[in-house]
Amino acid sequence: MLKRLHKKRTGGDPSDFDTDIMHLINLTPMMDILTVLVVFLLITAVFMSITVKELSLPPGAGKASVNRPNFAIEVIVRKSGLQIANGTSVEATIPKKGDSYDIELLSNVLARLKAQYPEKDDATVLMEPDIKYDHLIEVMDAVRSAEIREDGSSEVKKIDLFSKISIGDAP
């Protein structure tokens, strides 16, 4: 038996069955696939990007600012439409147009509020549960800036509204 085992290891008779696993498995195709996969992932990683929206947290209850007006702007995103509140009561209600929100009317209302309170630069966007993330981004963009047409002009002017946006759950 020892003679036969030694004969196998030294490569004796070619008809003997060699049970060494490294002679049976060919790893070259697998290495080729992994090389192509690594190159593909490195190339596509450049095209992926993440957009970050700048948010600010609402101030704590203990802090009081002298320069800030005593008026809070809250845009509440509901399934039935949009509501604009002043912190205590609802000032305006904007119903949905079909399946989407009326962002243009929201921009006009917020532009009027900005004209009344030009020093105010913060607003809060509150959302009900089960509202799509895309709708939140649309509303946040409308709160941040608006495109307004001057009367008698076809020129569209982009104005900054409320740059400091806080988000939260709707009551």
C-alpha atoms as a PDB file:
ATOM      1  CA  MET A   1       0.000   0.000   0.000  1.00  0.00           C
ATOM      2  CA  LEU A   2       2.814   2.423   0.833  1.00  0.00           C
ATOM      3  CA  LYS A   3       4.409   1.653  -2.478  1.00  0.00           C
ATOM      4  CA  ARG A   4       1.243   2.446  -4.362  1.00  0.00           C
ATOM      5  CA  LEU A   5       0.747   5.772  -2.499  1.00  0.00           C
ATOM      6  CA  HIS A   6       4.348   6.788  -3.213  1.00  0.00           C
ATOM      7  CA  LYS A   7       3.902   5.881  -6.849  1.00  0.00           C
ATOM      8  CA  LYS A   8       0.839   8.136  -7.074  1.00  0.00           C
ATOM      9  CA  ARG A   9       2.619  11.102  -5.569  1.00  0.00           C
ATOM     10  CA  THR A  10       5.657  10.859  -7.747  1.00  0.00           C
ATOM     11  CA  GLY A  11       3.597  10.615 -10.892  1.00  0.00           C
ATOM     12  CA  GLY A  12       3.989   6.952 -11.625  1.00  0.00           C
ATOM     13  CA  ASP A  13       1.400   5.343 -13.835  1.00  0.00           C
ATOM     14  CA  PRO A  14      -0.685   7.874 -15.885  1.00  0.00           C
ATOM     15  CA  SER A  15      -3.741   5.650 -15.680  1.00  0.00           C
ATOM     16  CA  ASP A  16      -3.895   6.090 -11.915  1.00  0.00           C
ATOM     17  CA  PHE A  17      -6.680   8.434 -10.794  1.00  0.00           C
ATOM     18  CA  ASP A  18      -5.234  11.592  -9.243  1.00  0.00           C
ATOM     19  CA  THR A  19      -7.482  12.936  -6.482  1.00  0.00           C
ATOM     20  CA  ASP A  20      -5.598  16.202  -5.936  1.00  0.00           C
ATOM     21  CA  ILE A  21      -8.277  18.956  -6.126  1.00  0.00           C
ATOM     22  CA  MET A  22      -5.996  21.608  -7.600  1.00  0.00           C
ATOM     23  CA  HIS A  23      -5.525  19.544 -10.727  1.00  0.00           C
ATOM     24  CA  LEU A  24      -9.283  19.152 -11.176  1.00  0.00           C
ATOM     25  CA  ILE A  25     -10.448  22.799 -10.739  1.00  0.00           C
ATOM     26  CA  ASN A  26      -9.529  25.436 -13.295  1.00  0.00           C
ATOM     27  CA  LEU A  27      -9.749  28.896 -11.679  1.00  0.00           C
ATOM     28  CA  THR A  28      -8.783  30.921 -14.747  1.00  0.00           C
ATOM     29  CA  PRO A  29     -12.370  31.637 -15.962  1.00  0.00           C
ATOM     30  CA  MET A  30     -13.407  32.704 -12.478  1.00  0.00           C
ATOM     31  CA  MET A  31     -10.463  35.098 -12.198  1.00  0.00           C
ATOM     32  CA  ASP A  32     -11.361  36.539 -15.620  1.00  0.00           C
ATOM     33  CA  ILE A  33     -14.941  37.207 -14.484  1.00  0.00           C
ATOM     34  CA  LEU A  34     -13.786  38.858 -11.262  1.00  0.00           C
ATOM     35  CA  THR A  35     -11.341  41.079 -13.156  1.00  0.00           C
ATOM     36  CA  VAL A  36     -14.066  42.252 -15.544  1.00  0.00           C
ATOM     37  CA  LEU A  37     -16.442  42.815 -12.614  1.00  0.00           C
ATOM     38  CA  VAL A  38     -13.930  44.952 -10.722  1.00  0.00           C
ATOM     39  CA  VAL A  39     -13.235  47.084 -13.797  1.00  0.00           C
ATOM     40  CA  PHE A  40     -16.975  47.510 -14.441  1.00  0.00           C
ATOM     41  CA  LEU A  41     -17.667  48.570 -10.838  1.00  0.00           C
ATOM     42  CA  LEU A  42     -14.803  51.070 -10.865  1.00  0.00           C
ATOM     43  CA  ILE A  43     -16.045  52.665 -14.080  1.00  0.00           C
ATOM     44  CA  THR A  44     -19.703  52.920 -12.992  1.00  0.00           C
ATOM     45  CA  ALA A  45     -18.856  54.268  -9.528  1.00  0.00           C
ATOM     46  CA  VAL A  46     -17.950  57.613 -11.111  1.00  0.00           C
ATOM     47  CA  PHE A  47     -21.445  58.081 -12.544  1.00  0.00           C
ATOM     48  CA  MET A  48     -23.269  57.566  -9.252  1.00  0.00           C
ATOM     49  CA  SER A  49     -23.782  60.648  -7.131  1.00  0.00           C
ATOM     50  CA  ILE A  50     -25.873  61.534  -4.124  1.00  0.00           C
ATOM     51  CA  THR A  51     -27.566  64.903  -3.788  1.00  0.00           C
ATOM     52  CA  VAL A  52     -27.517  66.398  -0.324  1.00  0.00           C
ATOM     53  CA  LYS A  53     -30.154  68.904   0.704  1.00  0.00           C
ATOM     54  CA  GLU A  54     -29.113  71.485   3.299  1.00  0.00           C
ATOM     55  CA  LEU A  55     -31.444  71.388   6.314  1.00  0.00           C
ATOM     56  CA  SER A  56     -31.432  73.254   9.584  1.00  0.00           C
ATOM     57  CA  LEU A  57     -32.914  72.086  12.849  1.00  0.00           C
ATOM     58  CA  PRO A  58     -35.577  74.218  14.489  1.00  0.00           C
ATOM     59  CA  PRO A  59     -34.287  76.299  17.406  1.00  0.00           C
ATOM     60  CA  GLY A  60     -34.757  75.011  20.938  1.00  0.00           C
ATOM     61  CA  ALA A  61     -37.606  76.283  23.098  1.00  0.00           C
ATOM     62  CA  GLY A  62     -35.239  78.032  25.498  1.00  0.00           C
ATOM     63  CA  LYS A  63     -33.586  80.229  22.864  1.00  0.00           C
ATOM     64  CA  ALA A  64     -35.230  83.490  21.913  1.00  0.00           C
ATOM     65  CA  SER A  65     -33.908  85.738  19.194  1.00  0.00           C
ATOM     66  CA  VAL A  66     -34.513  89.469  19.238  1.00  0.00           C
ATOM     67  CA  ASN A  67     -34.127  90.018  15.475  1.00  0.00           C
ATOM     68  CA  ARG A  68     -36.521  87.312  14.338  1.00  0.00           C
ATOM     69  CA  PRO A  69     -40.149  88.138  13.561  1.00  0.00           C
ATOM     70  CA  ASN A  70     -42.813  86.417  15.628  1.00  0.00           C
ATOM     71  CA  PHE A  71     -44.237  84.583  12.629  1.00  0.00           C
ATOM     72  CA  ALA A  72     -43.564  80.953  11.696  1.00  0.00           C
ATOM     73  CA  ILE A  73     -44.052  79.692   8.159  1.00  0.00           C
ATOM     74  CA  GLU A  74     -45.168  76.092   7.989  1.00  0.00           C
ATOM     75  CA  VAL A  75     -45.965  74.267   4.771  1.00  0.00           C
ATOM     76  CA  ILE A  76     -47.961  71.128   5.605  1.00  0.00           C
ATOM     77  CA  VAL A  77     -48.026  68.420   2.931  1.00  0.00           C
ATOM     78  CA  ARG A  78     -51.208  66.379   3.222  1.00  0.00           C
ATOM     79  CA  LYS A  79     -52.701  63.709   0.976  1.00  0.00           C
ATOM     80  CA  SER A  80     -55.508  66.116   0.009  1.00  0.00           C
ATOM     81  CA  GLY A  81     -53.252  69.093  -0.724  1.00  0.00           C
ATOM     82  CA  LEU A  82     -50.964  71.703   0.789  1.00  0.00           C
ATOM     83  CA  GLN A  83     -51.614  73.952   3.757  1.00  0.00           C
ATOM     84  CA  ILE A  84     -49.702  77.071   4.771  1.00  0.00           C
ATOM     85  CA  ALA A  85     -49.827  77.808   8.477  1.00  0.00           C
ATOM     86  CA  ASN A  86     -48.376  80.495  10.735  1.00  0.00           C
ATOM     87  CA  GLY A  87     -47.616  78.162  13.646  1.00  0.00           C
ATOM     88  CA  THR A  88     -51.036  78.411  15.278  1.00  0.00           C
ATOM     89  CA  SER A  89     -53.624  78.433  12.480  1.00  0.00           C
ATOM     90  CA  VAL A  90     -53.925  77.550   8.803  1.00  0.00           C
ATOM     91  CA  GLU A  91     -53.616  80.656   6.600  1.00  0.00           C
ATOM     92  CA  ALA A  92     -54.099  79.093   3.146  1.00  0.00           C
ATOM     93  CA  THR A  93     -55.103  75.757   1.648  1.00  0.00           C
ATOM     94  CA  ILE A  94     -53.961  74.643  -1.803  1.00  0.00           C
ATOM     95  CA  PRO A  95     -55.843  71.580  -3.149  1.00  0.00           C
ATOM     96  CA  LYS A  96     -54.151  68.972  -5.350  1.00  0.00           C
ATOM     97  CA  LYS A  97     -54.375  69.227  -9.139  1.00  0.00           C
ATOM     98  CA  GLY A  98     -55.163  65.684 -10.184  1.00  0.00           C
ATOM     99  CA  ASP A  99     -52.411  63.498  -8.760  1.00  0.00           C
ATOM    100  CA  SER A 100     -49.820  66.244  -8.163  1.00  0.00           C
ATOM    101  CA  TYR A 101     -49.486  69.263  -5.918  1.00  0.00           C
ATOM    102  CA  ASP A 102     -49.944  72.810  -7.237  1.00  0.00           C
ATOM    103  CA  ILE A 103     -46.335  73.936  -6.817  1.00  0.00           C
ATOM    104  CA  GLU A 104     -46.822  77.086  -8.900  1.00  0.00           C
ATOM    105  CA  LEU A 105     -49.579  78.407  -6.630  1.00  0.00           C
ATOM    106  CA  LEU A 106     -47.476  77.488  -3.581  1.00  0.00           C
ATOM    107  CA  SER A 107     -44.582  79.520  -4.992  1.00  0.00           C
ATOM    108  CA  ASN A 108     -46.860  82.541  -5.557  1.00  0.00           C
ATOM    109  CA  VAL A 109     -48.264  82.397  -2.008  1.00  0.00           C
ATOM    110  CA  LEU A 110     -44.787  82.033  -0.508  1.00  0.00           C
ATOM    111  CA  ALA A 111     -43.493  84.933  -2.639  1.00  0.00           C
ATOM    112  CA  ARG A 112     -46.259  87.134  -1.199  1.00  0.00           C
ATOM    113  CA  LEU A 113     -45.285  86.033   2.312  1.00  0.00           C
ATOM    114  CA  LYS A 114     -41.653  86.837   1.560  1.00  0.00           C
ATOM    115  CA  ALA A 115     -42.695  90.320   0.404  1.00  0.00           C
ATOM    116  CA  GLN A 116     -44.510  90.829   3.739  1.00  0.00           C
ATOM    117  CA  TYR A 117     -41.609  89.461   5.811  1.00  0.00           C
ATOM    118  CA  PRO A 118     -38.411  90.156   3.835  1.00  0.00           C
ATOM    119  CA  GLU A 119     -36.093  89.505   6.796  1.00  0.00           C
ATOM    120  CA  LYS A 120     -37.519  86.035   7.448  1.00  0.00           C
ATOM    121  CA  ASP A 121     -35.408  83.267   5.951  1.00  0.00           C
ATOM    122  CA  ASP A 122     -36.590  80.086   7.704  1.00  0.00           C
ATOM    123  CA  ALA A 123     -39.582  77.834   7.101  1.00  0.00           C
ATOM    124  CA  THR A 124     -40.778  74.407   8.185  1.00  0.00           C
ATOM    125  CA  VAL A 125     -42.080  71.662   5.898  1.00  0.00           C
ATOM    126  CA  LEU A 126     -44.309  69.145   7.691  1.00  0.00           C
ATOM    127  CA  MET A 127     -45.473  65.907   6.063  1.00  0.00           C
ATOM    128  CA  GLU A 128     -48.156  63.350   6.732  1.00  0.00           C
ATOM    129  CA  PRO A 129     -47.111  59.687   6.673  1.00  0.00           C
ATOM    130  CA  ASP A 130     -47.167  57.800   3.343  1.00  0.00           C
ATOM    131  CA  ILE A 131     -46.347  60.844   1.174  1.00  0.00           C
ATOM    132  CA  LYS A 132     -43.831  60.183  -1.603  1.00  0.00           C
ATOM    133  CA  TYR A 133     -40.306  61.467  -1.129  1.00  0.00           C
ATOM    134  CA  ASP A 134     -40.422  63.175  -4.546  1.00  0.00           C
ATOM    135  CA  HIS A 135     -43.278  65.378  -3.340  1.00  0.00           C
ATOM    136  CA  LEU A 136     -41.215  66.436  -0.320  1.00  0.00           C
ATOM    137  CA  ILE A 137     -38.336  67.481  -2.587  1.00  0.00           C
ATOM    138  CA  GLU A 138     -40.692  69.431  -4.908  1.00  0.00           C
ATOM    139  CA  VAL A 139     -42.184  71.322  -1.965  1.00  0.00           C
ATOM    140  CA  MET A 140     -38.750  72.015  -0.452  1.00  0.00           C
ATOM    141  CA  ASP A 141     -37.529  73.412  -3.777  1.00  0.00           C
ATOM    142  CA  ALA A 142     -40.621  75.645  -3.970  1.00  0.00           C
ATOM    143  CA  VAL A 143     -40.032  76.893  -0.417  1.00  0.00           C
ATOM    144  CA  ARG A 144     -36.352  77.595  -1.117  1.00  0.00           C
ATOM    145  CA  SER A 145     -36.833  79.611  -4.338  1.00  0.00           C
ATOM    146  CA  ALA A 146     -39.498  80.628  -6.844  1.00  0.00           C
ATOM    147  CA  GLU A 147     -39.668  81.618 -10.491  1.00  0.00           C
ATOM    148  CA  ILE A 148     -41.885  84.698 -10.835  1.00  0.00           C
ATOM    149  CA  ARG A 149     -43.002  86.455 -14.036  1.00  0.00           C
ATOM    150  CA  GLU A 150     -43.146  90.212 -13.967  1.00  0.00           C
ATOM    151  CA  ASP A 151     -46.444  91.745 -15.107  1.00  0.00           C
ATOM    152  CA  GLY A 152     -46.306  92.652 -18.793  1.00  0.00           C
ATOM    153  CA  SER A 153     -43.048  90.765 -19.316  1.00  0.00           C
ATOM    154  CA  SER A 154     -42.294  87.299 -20.580  1.00  0.00           C
ATOM    155  CA  GLU A 155     -39.060  87.198 -18.579  1.00  0.00           C
ATOM    156  CA  VAL A 156     -38.939  84.737 -15.675  1.00  0.00           C
ATOM    157  CA  LYS A 157     -37.095  85.918 -12.596  1.00  0.00           C
ATOM    158  CA  LYS A 158     -35.801  83.511  -9.949  1.00  0.00           C
ATOM    159  CA  ILE A 159     -36.012  84.812  -6.384  1.00  0.00           C
ATOM    160  CA  ASP A 160     -34.792  83.304  -3.119  1.00  0.00           C
ATOM    161  CA  LEU A 161     -37.531  82.746  -0.558  1.00  0.00           C
ATOM    162  CA  PHE A 162     -36.749  80.813   2.598  1.00  0.00           C
ATOM    163  CA  SER A 163     -33.315  79.218   2.498  1.00  0.00           C
ATOM    164  CA  LYS A 164     -33.328  77.626   5.974  1.00  0.00           C
ATOM    165  CA  ILE A 165     -35.740  74.704   5.832  1.00  0.00           C
ATOM    166  CA  SER A 166     -36.656  72.394   8.696  1.00  0.00           C
ATOM    167  CA  ILE A 167     -38.664  69.219   8.155  1.00  0.00           C
ATOM    168  CA  GLY A 168     -40.930  67.241  10.449  1.00  0.00           C
ATOM    169  CA  ASP A 169     -44.128  65.240  10.839  1.00  0.00           C
ATOM    170  CA  ALA A 170     -47.469  66.927  10.243  1.00  0.00           C
ATOM    171  CA  PRO A 171     -49.812  67.275  13.229  1.00  0.00           C
END
